[in-house]
Amino acid sequence: MTEKPEDPEIGYRLDALAGVVRSELTAAGLPVTPDDHPLGTAGATVQVDRPDLHGVLVHWHAHPILMDAGQAAWADDPFGEGEEYEAFGRQTKGIGHAMQEAMREILTVAGLEVVDTNNDYAPDELLVTRRVTPSAWRARHDATFTRRHEGMLAAWNERHREEYDRNRGDQD
């Protein structure tokens, strides 16, 4: 079976959507891990769903301190029969669920369409499929940028109008 090549246009749009997701989570105050998710980082991971290109995957990673302690508890109780093992399981599951719901709410009110992935291996993973509307802060930021750009362009043109008219007169 051969894998079909990635559609560059869809890949580009999803990379841009991933940037929007990162900026919305960051604006809300959540830590977002770098793309390569280096060891020792915690927070939201945001990546394009490759090779399927269904959207942008969002998942919460607890701090390695918690993960290491949980793995140590598992190493001490490989059959998962002890109270400590169960406590780490409840805590990890609770954190994952709480952060999934928090990120879902943040992204939804930011104007993004968010659905569950139904991934058994990552039950708290979300899939952002598209941006429905820009968030309030993004819309204001973009409008301010446009207004400033237009003002600077008008000032530039006004400053150089005399020079333009003079050069035009030399050509006549």
N, C-alpha and C. Protein backbone atom coordinates (compact mmCIF):
# COMPACT_ATOMS: atom_id res chain seq x y z
N MET A 1 0.85 -1.17 0.00
CA MET A 1 0.00 0.00 0.00
C MET A 1 0.90 1.24 0.00
N THR A 2 0.62 2.15 -0.90
CA THR A 2 1.41 3.38 -0.95
C THR A 2 0.64 4.49 -0.25
N GLU A 3 1.39 5.32 0.43
CA GLU A 3 0.81 6.43 1.15
C GLU A 3 0.67 7.60 0.19
N LYS A 4 -0.50 8.23 0.16
CA LYS A 4 -0.66 9.35 -0.75
C LYS A 4 0.11 10.55 -0.21
N PRO A 5 0.69 11.35 -1.11
CA PRO A 5 1.47 12.50 -0.66
C PRO A 5 0.56 13.56 -0.03
N GLU A 6 1.13 14.31 0.90
CA GLU A 6 0.39 15.36 1.60
C GLU A 6 0.05 16.48 0.63
N ASP A 7 -1.19 16.94 0.69
CA ASP A 7 -1.61 18.11 -0.09
C ASP A 7 -0.99 19.35 0.54
N PRO A 8 -0.07 20.03 -0.17
CA PRO A 8 0.64 21.15 0.44
C PRO A 8 -0.29 22.29 0.88
N GLU A 9 -1.36 22.51 0.15
CA GLU A 9 -2.28 23.60 0.51
C GLU A 9 -2.98 23.29 1.84
N ILE A 10 -3.44 22.06 2.01
CA ILE A 10 -4.09 21.68 3.26
C ILE A 10 -3.08 21.70 4.40
N GLY A 11 -1.88 21.18 4.16
CA GLY A 11 -0.83 21.22 5.17
C GLY A 11 -0.50 22.64 5.60
N TYR A 12 -0.43 23.56 4.64
CA TYR A 12 -0.13 24.96 4.95
C TYR A 12 -1.25 25.57 5.80
N ARG A 13 -2.50 25.33 5.42
CA ARG A 13 -3.63 25.87 6.18
C ARG A 13 -3.66 25.32 7.60
N LEU A 14 -3.35 24.04 7.76
CA LEU A 14 -3.35 23.44 9.10
C LEU A 14 -2.17 23.93 9.93
N ASP A 15 -1.02 24.19 9.29
CA ASP A 15 0.10 24.80 10.02
C ASP A 15 -0.30 26.18 10.54
N ALA A 16 -1.01 26.94 9.72
CA ALA A 16 -1.48 28.26 10.15
C ALA A 16 -2.50 28.12 11.28
N LEU A 17 -3.39 27.14 11.17
CA LEU A 17 -4.38 26.90 12.22
C LEU A 17 -3.69 26.49 13.52
N ALA A 18 -2.63 25.70 13.44
CA ALA A 18 -1.87 25.32 14.63
C ALA A 18 -1.29 26.56 15.31
N GLY A 19 -0.83 27.52 14.52
CA GLY A 19 -0.34 28.77 15.08
C GLY A 19 -1.43 29.54 15.80
N VAL A 20 -2.63 29.53 15.24
CA VAL A 20 -3.77 30.19 15.89
C VAL A 20 -4.09 29.50 17.21
N VAL A 21 -4.10 28.17 17.21
CA VAL A 21 -4.38 27.40 18.43
C VAL A 21 -3.34 27.73 19.50
N ARG A 22 -2.07 27.73 19.12
CA ARG A 22 -1.01 28.05 20.09
C ARG A 22 -1.21 29.45 20.67
N SER A 23 -1.50 30.42 19.81
CA SER A 23 -1.64 31.79 20.30
C SER A 23 -2.86 31.94 21.20
N GLU A 24 -3.94 31.23 20.92
CA GLU A 24 -5.13 31.33 21.77
C GLU A 24 -4.88 30.71 23.15
N LEU A 25 -4.21 29.56 23.18
CA LEU A 25 -3.91 28.93 24.47
C LEU A 25 -2.92 29.78 25.26
N THR A 26 -1.95 30.35 24.59
CA THR A 26 -0.97 31.22 25.24
C THR A 26 -1.64 32.48 25.77
N ALA A 27 -2.52 33.07 24.98
CA ALA A 27 -3.23 34.28 25.42
C ALA A 27 -4.07 34.00 26.65
N ALA A 28 -4.56 32.77 26.77
CA ALA A 28 -5.35 32.39 27.94
C ALA A 28 -4.47 32.12 29.16
N GLY A 29 -3.15 32.08 28.96
CA GLY A 29 -2.23 31.88 30.08
C GLY A 29 -1.73 30.46 30.26
N LEU A 30 -2.06 29.57 29.32
CA LEU A 30 -1.58 28.19 29.44
C LEU A 30 -0.20 28.05 28.80
N PRO A 31 0.66 27.24 29.41
CA PRO A 31 1.94 26.98 28.75
C PRO A 31 1.73 26.08 27.54
N VAL A 32 2.43 26.38 26.46
CA VAL A 32 2.37 25.58 25.24
C VAL A 32 3.78 25.11 24.96
N THR A 33 3.94 23.80 24.78
CA THR A 33 5.27 23.25 24.56
C THR A 33 5.77 23.62 23.16
N PRO A 34 7.09 23.70 23.00
CA PRO A 34 7.63 23.92 21.65
C PRO A 34 7.27 22.75 20.74
N ASP A 35 7.35 22.97 19.44
CA ASP A 35 6.96 21.94 18.47
C ASP A 35 7.67 20.61 18.68
N ASP A 36 8.94 20.65 19.06
CA ASP A 36 9.69 19.40 19.21
C ASP A 36 9.52 18.77 20.59
N HIS A 37 8.72 19.37 21.46
CA HIS A 37 8.40 18.87 22.80
C HIS A 37 9.64 18.31 23.50
N PRO A 38 10.60 19.20 23.85
CA PRO A 38 11.81 18.72 24.51
C PRO A 38 11.52 18.10 25.88
N LEU A 39 12.40 17.23 26.31
CA LEU A 39 12.25 16.59 27.61
C LEU A 39 12.18 17.65 28.70
N GLY A 40 11.32 17.41 29.68
CA GLY A 40 11.21 18.32 30.81
C GLY A 40 10.16 19.41 30.64
N THR A 41 9.47 19.42 29.52
CA THR A 41 8.44 20.45 29.30
C THR A 41 7.07 19.92 29.67
N ALA A 42 6.22 20.84 30.06
CA ALA A 42 4.84 20.49 30.40
C ALA A 42 3.93 21.53 29.77
N GLY A 43 2.70 21.15 29.52
CA GLY A 43 1.73 22.08 28.94
C GLY A 43 1.02 21.46 27.75
N ALA A 44 0.40 22.33 26.99
CA ALA A 44 -0.35 21.89 25.81
C ALA A 44 0.60 21.61 24.65
N THR A 45 0.38 20.48 24.01
CA THR A 45 1.10 20.20 22.76
C THR A 45 0.12 20.41 21.62
N VAL A 46 0.58 21.06 20.60
CA VAL A 46 -0.24 21.40 19.45
C VAL A 46 0.51 20.95 18.21
N GLN A 47 -0.12 20.08 17.41
CA GLN A 47 0.54 19.60 16.20
C GLN A 47 -0.49 19.26 15.13
N VAL A 48 -0.09 19.43 13.90
CA VAL A 48 -0.97 19.08 12.78
C VAL A 48 -1.12 17.57 12.74
N ASP A 49 -2.33 17.11 12.48
CA ASP A 49 -2.65 15.69 12.39
C ASP A 49 -2.08 15.14 11.07
N ARG A 50 -0.81 14.76 11.13
CA ARG A 50 -0.17 14.20 9.94
C ARG A 50 -0.06 12.70 10.08
N PRO A 51 -0.25 11.93 9.08
CA PRO A 51 -0.44 12.30 7.68
C PRO A 51 -1.90 12.50 7.30
N ASP A 52 -2.84 12.29 8.23
CA ASP A 52 -4.26 12.30 7.88
C ASP A 52 -4.79 13.69 7.52
N LEU A 53 -4.24 14.76 8.13
CA LEU A 53 -4.63 16.14 7.85
C LEU A 53 -6.11 16.41 8.14
N HIS A 54 -6.60 15.86 9.26
CA HIS A 54 -7.99 16.11 9.66
C HIS A 54 -8.12 17.41 10.44
N GLY A 55 -7.02 17.92 10.97
CA GLY A 55 -7.07 19.13 11.77
C GLY A 55 -5.80 19.27 12.60
N VAL A 56 -5.95 19.93 13.75
CA VAL A 56 -4.83 20.18 14.65
C VAL A 56 -5.10 19.44 15.96
N LEU A 57 -4.17 18.60 16.37
CA LEU A 57 -4.30 17.83 17.61
C LEU A 57 -3.80 18.66 18.79
N VAL A 58 -4.56 18.62 19.89
CA VAL A 58 -4.20 19.34 21.10
C VAL A 58 -4.29 18.36 22.26
N HIS A 59 -3.21 18.31 23.04
CA HIS A 59 -3.14 17.36 24.15
C HIS A 59 -2.39 18.01 25.30
N TRP A 60 -2.74 17.68 26.53
CA TRP A 60 -2.07 18.22 27.70
C TRP A 60 -1.03 17.23 28.21
N HIS A 61 0.15 17.74 28.50
CA HIS A 61 1.22 16.92 29.10
C HIS A 61 1.51 17.46 30.48
N ALA A 62 1.32 16.61 31.48
CA ALA A 62 1.65 16.99 32.85
C ALA A 62 3.17 17.10 32.98
N HIS A 63 3.60 17.74 34.04
CA HIS A 63 5.04 17.92 34.25
C HIS A 63 5.73 16.58 34.46
N PRO A 64 6.96 16.45 33.99
CA PRO A 64 7.70 15.19 34.16
C PRO A 64 7.86 14.74 35.61
N ILE A 65 7.81 15.67 36.56
CA ILE A 65 7.90 15.26 37.97
C ILE A 65 6.76 14.30 38.30
N LEU A 66 5.55 14.64 37.88
CA LEU A 66 4.40 13.79 38.12
C LEU A 66 4.52 12.49 37.33
N MET A 67 4.91 12.59 36.08
CA MET A 67 5.00 11.40 35.24
C MET A 67 6.07 10.43 35.76
N ASP A 68 7.21 10.98 36.18
CA ASP A 68 8.28 10.13 36.72
C ASP A 68 7.85 9.43 38.00
N ALA A 69 7.16 10.15 38.88
CA ALA A 69 6.69 9.54 40.12
C ALA A 69 5.67 8.43 39.82
N GLY A 70 4.80 8.66 38.84
CA GLY A 70 3.83 7.65 38.45
C GLY A 70 4.51 6.42 37.88
N GLN A 71 5.54 6.62 37.07
CA GLN A 71 6.26 5.48 36.50
C GLN A 71 7.01 4.71 37.59
N ALA A 72 7.53 5.43 38.58
CA ALA A 72 8.21 4.76 39.69
C ALA A 72 7.21 3.92 40.49
N ALA A 73 5.99 4.45 40.67
CA ALA A 73 4.96 3.68 41.38
C ALA A 73 4.61 2.43 40.57
N TRP A 74 4.55 2.56 39.26
CA TRP A 74 4.26 1.40 38.42
C TRP A 74 5.40 0.38 38.51
N ALA A 75 6.66 0.86 38.53
CA ALA A 75 7.80 -0.05 38.63
C ALA A 75 7.78 -0.83 39.94
N ASP A 76 7.29 -0.16 41.01
CA ASP A 76 7.20 -0.83 42.30
C ASP A 76 6.01 -1.79 42.38
N ASP A 77 5.04 -1.58 41.50
CA ASP A 77 3.80 -2.38 41.52
C ASP A 77 3.39 -2.68 40.08
N PRO A 78 4.16 -3.53 39.37
CA PRO A 78 3.92 -3.76 37.94
C PRO A 78 2.56 -4.37 37.62
N PHE A 79 1.88 -4.95 38.60
CA PHE A 79 0.56 -5.51 38.34
C PHE A 79 -0.56 -4.53 38.64
N GLY A 80 -0.19 -3.34 39.13
CA GLY A 80 -1.18 -2.30 39.38
C GLY A 80 -2.19 -2.65 40.45
N GLU A 81 -1.76 -3.31 41.49
CA GLU A 81 -2.68 -3.76 42.53
C GLU A 81 -2.67 -2.88 43.77
N GLY A 82 -1.70 -1.97 43.86
CA GLY A 82 -1.54 -1.17 45.08
C GLY A 82 -2.31 0.14 45.05
N GLU A 83 -2.45 0.70 46.24
CA GLU A 83 -3.18 1.96 46.41
C GLU A 83 -2.44 3.13 45.75
N GLU A 84 -1.12 3.16 45.87
CA GLU A 84 -0.36 4.26 45.28
C GLU A 84 -0.50 4.27 43.76
N TYR A 85 -0.43 3.11 43.15
CA TYR A 85 -0.58 3.00 41.70
C TYR A 85 -1.94 3.55 41.26
N GLU A 86 -2.98 3.17 41.96
CA GLU A 86 -4.32 3.65 41.65
C GLU A 86 -4.44 5.16 41.87
N ALA A 87 -3.79 5.67 42.91
CA ALA A 87 -3.83 7.11 43.18
C ALA A 87 -3.20 7.90 42.03
N PHE A 88 -2.07 7.42 41.52
CA PHE A 88 -1.44 8.10 40.37
C PHE A 88 -2.34 8.01 39.13
N GLY A 89 -2.98 6.88 38.95
CA GLY A 89 -3.90 6.74 37.82
C GLY A 89 -5.05 7.72 37.90
N ARG A 90 -5.65 7.85 39.09
CA ARG A 90 -6.76 8.81 39.26
C ARG A 90 -6.29 10.24 39.03
N GLN A 91 -5.11 10.56 39.58
CA GLN A 91 -4.59 11.92 39.44
C GLN A 91 -4.30 12.25 37.97
N THR A 92 -3.62 11.36 37.30
CA THR A 92 -3.28 11.59 35.90
C THR A 92 -4.54 11.71 35.04
N LYS A 93 -5.49 10.82 35.27
CA LYS A 93 -6.74 10.85 34.51
C LYS A 93 -7.52 12.13 34.82
N GLY A 94 -7.56 12.53 36.08
CA GLY A 94 -8.27 13.75 36.46
C GLY A 94 -7.65 14.99 35.85
N ILE A 95 -6.32 15.06 35.87
CA ILE A 95 -5.64 16.20 35.26
C ILE A 95 -5.91 16.25 33.76
N GLY A 96 -5.79 15.11 33.10
CA GLY A 96 -6.04 15.06 31.66
C GLY A 96 -7.44 15.51 31.31
N HIS A 97 -8.42 15.02 32.06
CA HIS A 97 -9.81 15.39 31.78
C HIS A 97 -10.06 16.87 32.05
N ALA A 98 -9.53 17.37 33.19
CA ALA A 98 -9.73 18.78 33.53
C ALA A 98 -9.10 19.70 32.49
N MET A 99 -7.91 19.37 32.05
CA MET A 99 -7.23 20.21 31.06
C MET A 99 -7.88 20.09 29.69
N GLN A 100 -8.40 18.92 29.36
CA GLN A 100 -9.11 18.76 28.10
C GLN A 100 -10.32 19.69 28.08
N GLU A 101 -11.09 19.69 29.16
CA GLU A 101 -12.28 20.53 29.21
C GLU A 101 -11.91 22.02 29.22
N ALA A 102 -10.85 22.37 29.96
CA ALA A 102 -10.41 23.77 29.98
C ALA A 102 -9.96 24.22 28.59
N MET A 103 -9.16 23.42 27.92
CA MET A 103 -8.68 23.79 26.58
C MET A 103 -9.83 23.82 25.58
N ARG A 104 -10.77 22.89 25.71
CA ARG A 104 -11.94 22.89 24.82
C ARG A 104 -12.71 24.21 24.97
N GLU A 105 -12.94 24.62 26.21
CA GLU A 105 -13.69 25.86 26.45
C GLU A 105 -12.92 27.08 25.94
N ILE A 106 -11.62 27.14 26.22
CA ILE A 106 -10.80 28.27 25.76
C ILE A 106 -10.82 28.36 24.24
N LEU A 107 -10.64 27.25 23.58
CA LEU A 107 -10.58 27.25 22.11
C LEU A 107 -11.95 27.52 21.49
N THR A 108 -13.00 27.02 22.11
CA THR A 108 -14.35 27.24 21.58
C THR A 108 -14.74 28.71 21.68
N VAL A 109 -14.51 29.33 22.85
CA VAL A 109 -14.86 30.75 22.99
C VAL A 109 -13.94 31.63 22.15
N ALA A 110 -12.80 31.08 21.72
CA ALA A 110 -11.90 31.82 20.83
C ALA A 110 -12.33 31.69 19.37
N GLY A 111 -13.44 31.00 19.11
CA GLY A 111 -13.97 30.91 17.76
C GLY A 111 -13.47 29.73 16.95
N LEU A 112 -12.96 28.70 17.62
CA LEU A 112 -12.46 27.52 16.92
C LEU A 112 -13.43 26.35 17.07
N GLU A 113 -13.50 25.52 16.05
CA GLU A 113 -14.33 24.31 16.11
C GLU A 113 -13.48 23.18 16.69
N VAL A 114 -13.96 22.59 17.80
CA VAL A 114 -13.20 21.58 18.54
C VAL A 114 -14.05 20.33 18.69
N VAL A 115 -13.45 19.18 18.39
CA VAL A 115 -14.13 17.89 18.55
C VAL A 115 -13.20 16.91 19.27
N ASP A 116 -13.75 15.84 19.79
CA ASP A 116 -12.95 14.78 20.39
C ASP A 116 -12.34 13.93 19.29
N THR A 117 -11.17 13.35 19.57
CA THR A 117 -10.55 12.47 18.58
C THR A 117 -11.02 11.03 18.74
N ASN A 118 -11.58 10.70 19.90
CA ASN A 118 -11.98 9.32 20.21
C ASN A 118 -10.81 8.36 20.05
N ASN A 119 -9.62 8.83 20.45
CA ASN A 119 -8.40 8.03 20.39
C ASN A 119 -8.26 7.29 21.72
N ASP A 120 -8.35 5.98 21.69
CA ASP A 120 -8.23 5.18 22.91
C ASP A 120 -6.88 5.35 23.60
N TYR A 121 -5.85 5.62 22.82
CA TYR A 121 -4.52 5.77 23.38
C TYR A 121 -4.28 7.17 23.95
N ALA A 122 -5.09 8.15 23.55
CA ALA A 122 -5.00 9.52 24.07
C ALA A 122 -6.43 10.02 24.28
N PRO A 123 -7.10 9.53 25.33
CA PRO A 123 -8.52 9.83 25.50
C PRO A 123 -8.84 11.30 25.73
N ASP A 124 -7.87 12.10 26.15
CA ASP A 124 -8.12 13.52 26.41
C ASP A 124 -7.66 14.41 25.26
N GLU A 125 -7.32 13.83 24.15
CA GLU A 125 -6.85 14.58 23.00
C GLU A 125 -8.02 15.26 22.29
N LEU A 126 -7.79 16.48 21.81
CA LEU A 126 -8.80 17.24 21.07
C LEU A 126 -8.34 17.43 19.63
N LEU A 127 -9.30 17.67 18.75
CA LEU A 127 -9.00 17.97 17.35
C LEU A 127 -9.67 19.29 17.00
N VAL A 128 -8.86 20.26 16.61
CA VAL A 128 -9.39 21.55 16.14
C VAL A 128 -9.46 21.45 14.63
N THR A 129 -10.67 21.64 14.09
CA THR A 129 -10.86 21.44 12.66
C THR A 129 -10.84 22.73 11.84
N ARG A 130 -11.24 23.85 12.46
CA ARG A 130 -11.24 25.10 11.72
C ARG A 130 -11.48 26.28 12.66
N ARG A 131 -11.19 27.48 12.13
CA ARG A 131 -11.50 28.70 12.87
C ARG A 131 -12.80 29.24 12.29
N VAL A 132 -13.80 29.37 13.14
CA VAL A 132 -15.10 29.88 12.71
C VAL A 132 -15.07 31.41 12.68
N THR A 133 -14.57 32.02 13.75
CA THR A 133 -14.43 33.47 13.83
C THR A 133 -13.15 33.79 14.59
N PRO A 134 -12.56 34.95 14.35
CA PRO A 134 -11.40 35.33 15.16
C PRO A 134 -11.84 35.66 16.59
N SER A 135 -10.98 35.39 17.55
CA SER A 135 -11.29 35.74 18.93
C SER A 135 -11.30 37.27 19.07
N ALA A 136 -11.87 37.75 20.16
CA ALA A 136 -11.98 39.20 20.36
C ALA A 136 -10.61 39.86 20.36
N TRP A 137 -9.65 39.27 21.07
CA TRP A 137 -8.33 39.91 21.13
C TRP A 137 -7.64 39.86 19.78
N ARG A 138 -7.81 38.77 19.03
CA ARG A 138 -7.18 38.66 17.71
C ARG A 138 -7.80 39.65 16.72
N ALA A 139 -9.13 39.79 16.76
CA ALA A 139 -9.81 40.74 15.87
C ALA A 139 -9.32 42.16 16.16
N ARG A 140 -9.21 42.51 17.44
CA ARG A 140 -8.74 43.85 17.80
C ARG A 140 -7.28 44.05 17.37
N HIS A 141 -6.46 43.04 17.62
CA HIS A 141 -5.05 43.10 17.23
C HIS A 141 -4.92 43.30 15.72
N ASP A 142 -5.66 42.52 14.94
CA ASP A 142 -5.58 42.63 13.48
C ASP A 142 -6.09 43.97 12.98
N ALA A 143 -7.19 44.48 13.56
CA ALA A 143 -7.73 45.78 13.16
C ALA A 143 -6.74 46.90 13.49
N THR A 144 -6.11 46.82 14.64
CA THR A 144 -5.12 47.82 15.03
C THR A 144 -3.93 47.80 14.08
N PHE A 145 -3.46 46.61 13.73
CA PHE A 145 -2.35 46.48 12.79
C PHE A 145 -2.72 47.09 11.45
N THR A 146 -3.92 46.76 10.94
CA THR A 146 -4.35 47.29 9.65
C THR A 146 -4.44 48.81 9.68
N ARG A 147 -5.03 49.34 10.75
CA ARG A 147 -5.18 50.80 10.87
C ARG A 147 -3.80 51.48 10.90
N ARG A 148 -2.87 50.94 11.66
CA ARG A 148 -1.53 51.52 11.73
C ARG A 148 -0.81 51.42 10.40
N HIS A 149 -0.95 50.29 9.72
CA HIS A 149 -0.32 50.11 8.42
C HIS A 149 -0.86 51.12 7.41
N GLU A 150 -2.17 51.29 7.38
CA GLU A 150 -2.78 52.25 6.45
C GLU A 150 -2.34 53.68 6.77
N GLY A 151 -2.23 54.00 8.07
CA GLY A 151 -1.76 55.34 8.47
C GLY A 151 -0.32 55.58 8.06
N MET A 152 0.52 54.57 8.26
CA MET A 152 1.93 54.71 7.86
C MET A 152 2.06 54.83 6.34
N LEU A 153 1.27 54.10 5.60
CA LEU A 153 1.30 54.17 4.15
C LEU A 153 0.86 55.54 3.66
N ALA A 154 -0.21 56.09 4.28
CA ALA A 154 -0.67 57.43 3.90
C ALA A 154 0.40 58.47 4.21
N ALA A 155 1.06 58.37 5.37
CA ALA A 155 2.11 59.32 5.73
C ALA A 155 3.29 59.21 4.76
N TRP A 156 3.65 57.99 4.40
CA TRP A 156 4.74 57.78 3.45
C TRP A 156 4.41 58.41 2.10
N ASN A 157 3.21 58.14 1.62
CA ASN A 157 2.81 58.70 0.34
C ASN A 157 2.78 60.22 0.36
N GLU A 158 2.28 60.80 1.44
CA GLU A 158 2.23 62.26 1.56
C GLU A 158 3.64 62.85 1.58
N ARG A 159 4.53 62.21 2.30
CA ARG A 159 5.91 62.71 2.40
C ARG A 159 6.61 62.66 1.05
N HIS A 160 6.32 61.66 0.28
CA HIS A 160 7.01 61.49 -1.01
C HIS A 160 6.22 61.99 -2.22
N ARG A 161 5.04 62.55 -1.99
CA ARG A 161 4.22 63.06 -3.10
C ARG A 161 4.95 64.18 -3.84
N GLU A 162 5.57 65.10 -3.10
CA GLU A 162 6.28 66.22 -3.73
C GLU A 162 7.41 65.72 -4.61
N GLU A 163 8.17 64.75 -4.10
CA GLU A 163 9.27 64.17 -4.88
C GLU A 163 8.73 63.47 -6.13
N TYR A 164 7.63 62.76 -5.97
CA TYR A 164 7.01 62.07 -7.11
C TYR A 164 6.56 63.08 -8.17
N ASP A 165 5.89 64.16 -7.71
CA ASP A 165 5.42 65.18 -8.65
C ASP A 165 6.60 65.86 -9.34
N ARG A 166 7.68 66.10 -8.60
CA ARG A 166 8.86 66.75 -9.18
C ARG A 166 9.48 65.84 -10.24
N ASN A 167 9.60 64.54 -9.94
CA ASN A 167 10.18 63.61 -10.93
C ASN A 167 9.28 63.46 -12.14
N ARG A 168 8.01 63.53 -11.94
CA ARG A 168 7.07 63.44 -13.05
C ARG A 168 7.19 64.66 -13.96
N GLY A 169 7.42 65.82 -13.32
CA GLY A 169 7.58 67.07 -14.09
C GLY A 169 8.86 67.05 -14.93
N ASP A 170 9.91 66.40 -14.42
CA ASP A 170 11.16 66.31 -15.16
C ASP A 170 11.00 65.48 -16.43
N GLN A 171 10.07 64.57 -16.43
CA GLN A 171 9.86 63.69 -17.58
C GLN A 171 9.05 64.37 -18.68
N ASP A 172 8.33 65.42 -18.34
CA ASP A 172 7.47 66.10 -19.35
C ASP A 172 8.27 66.90 -20.32
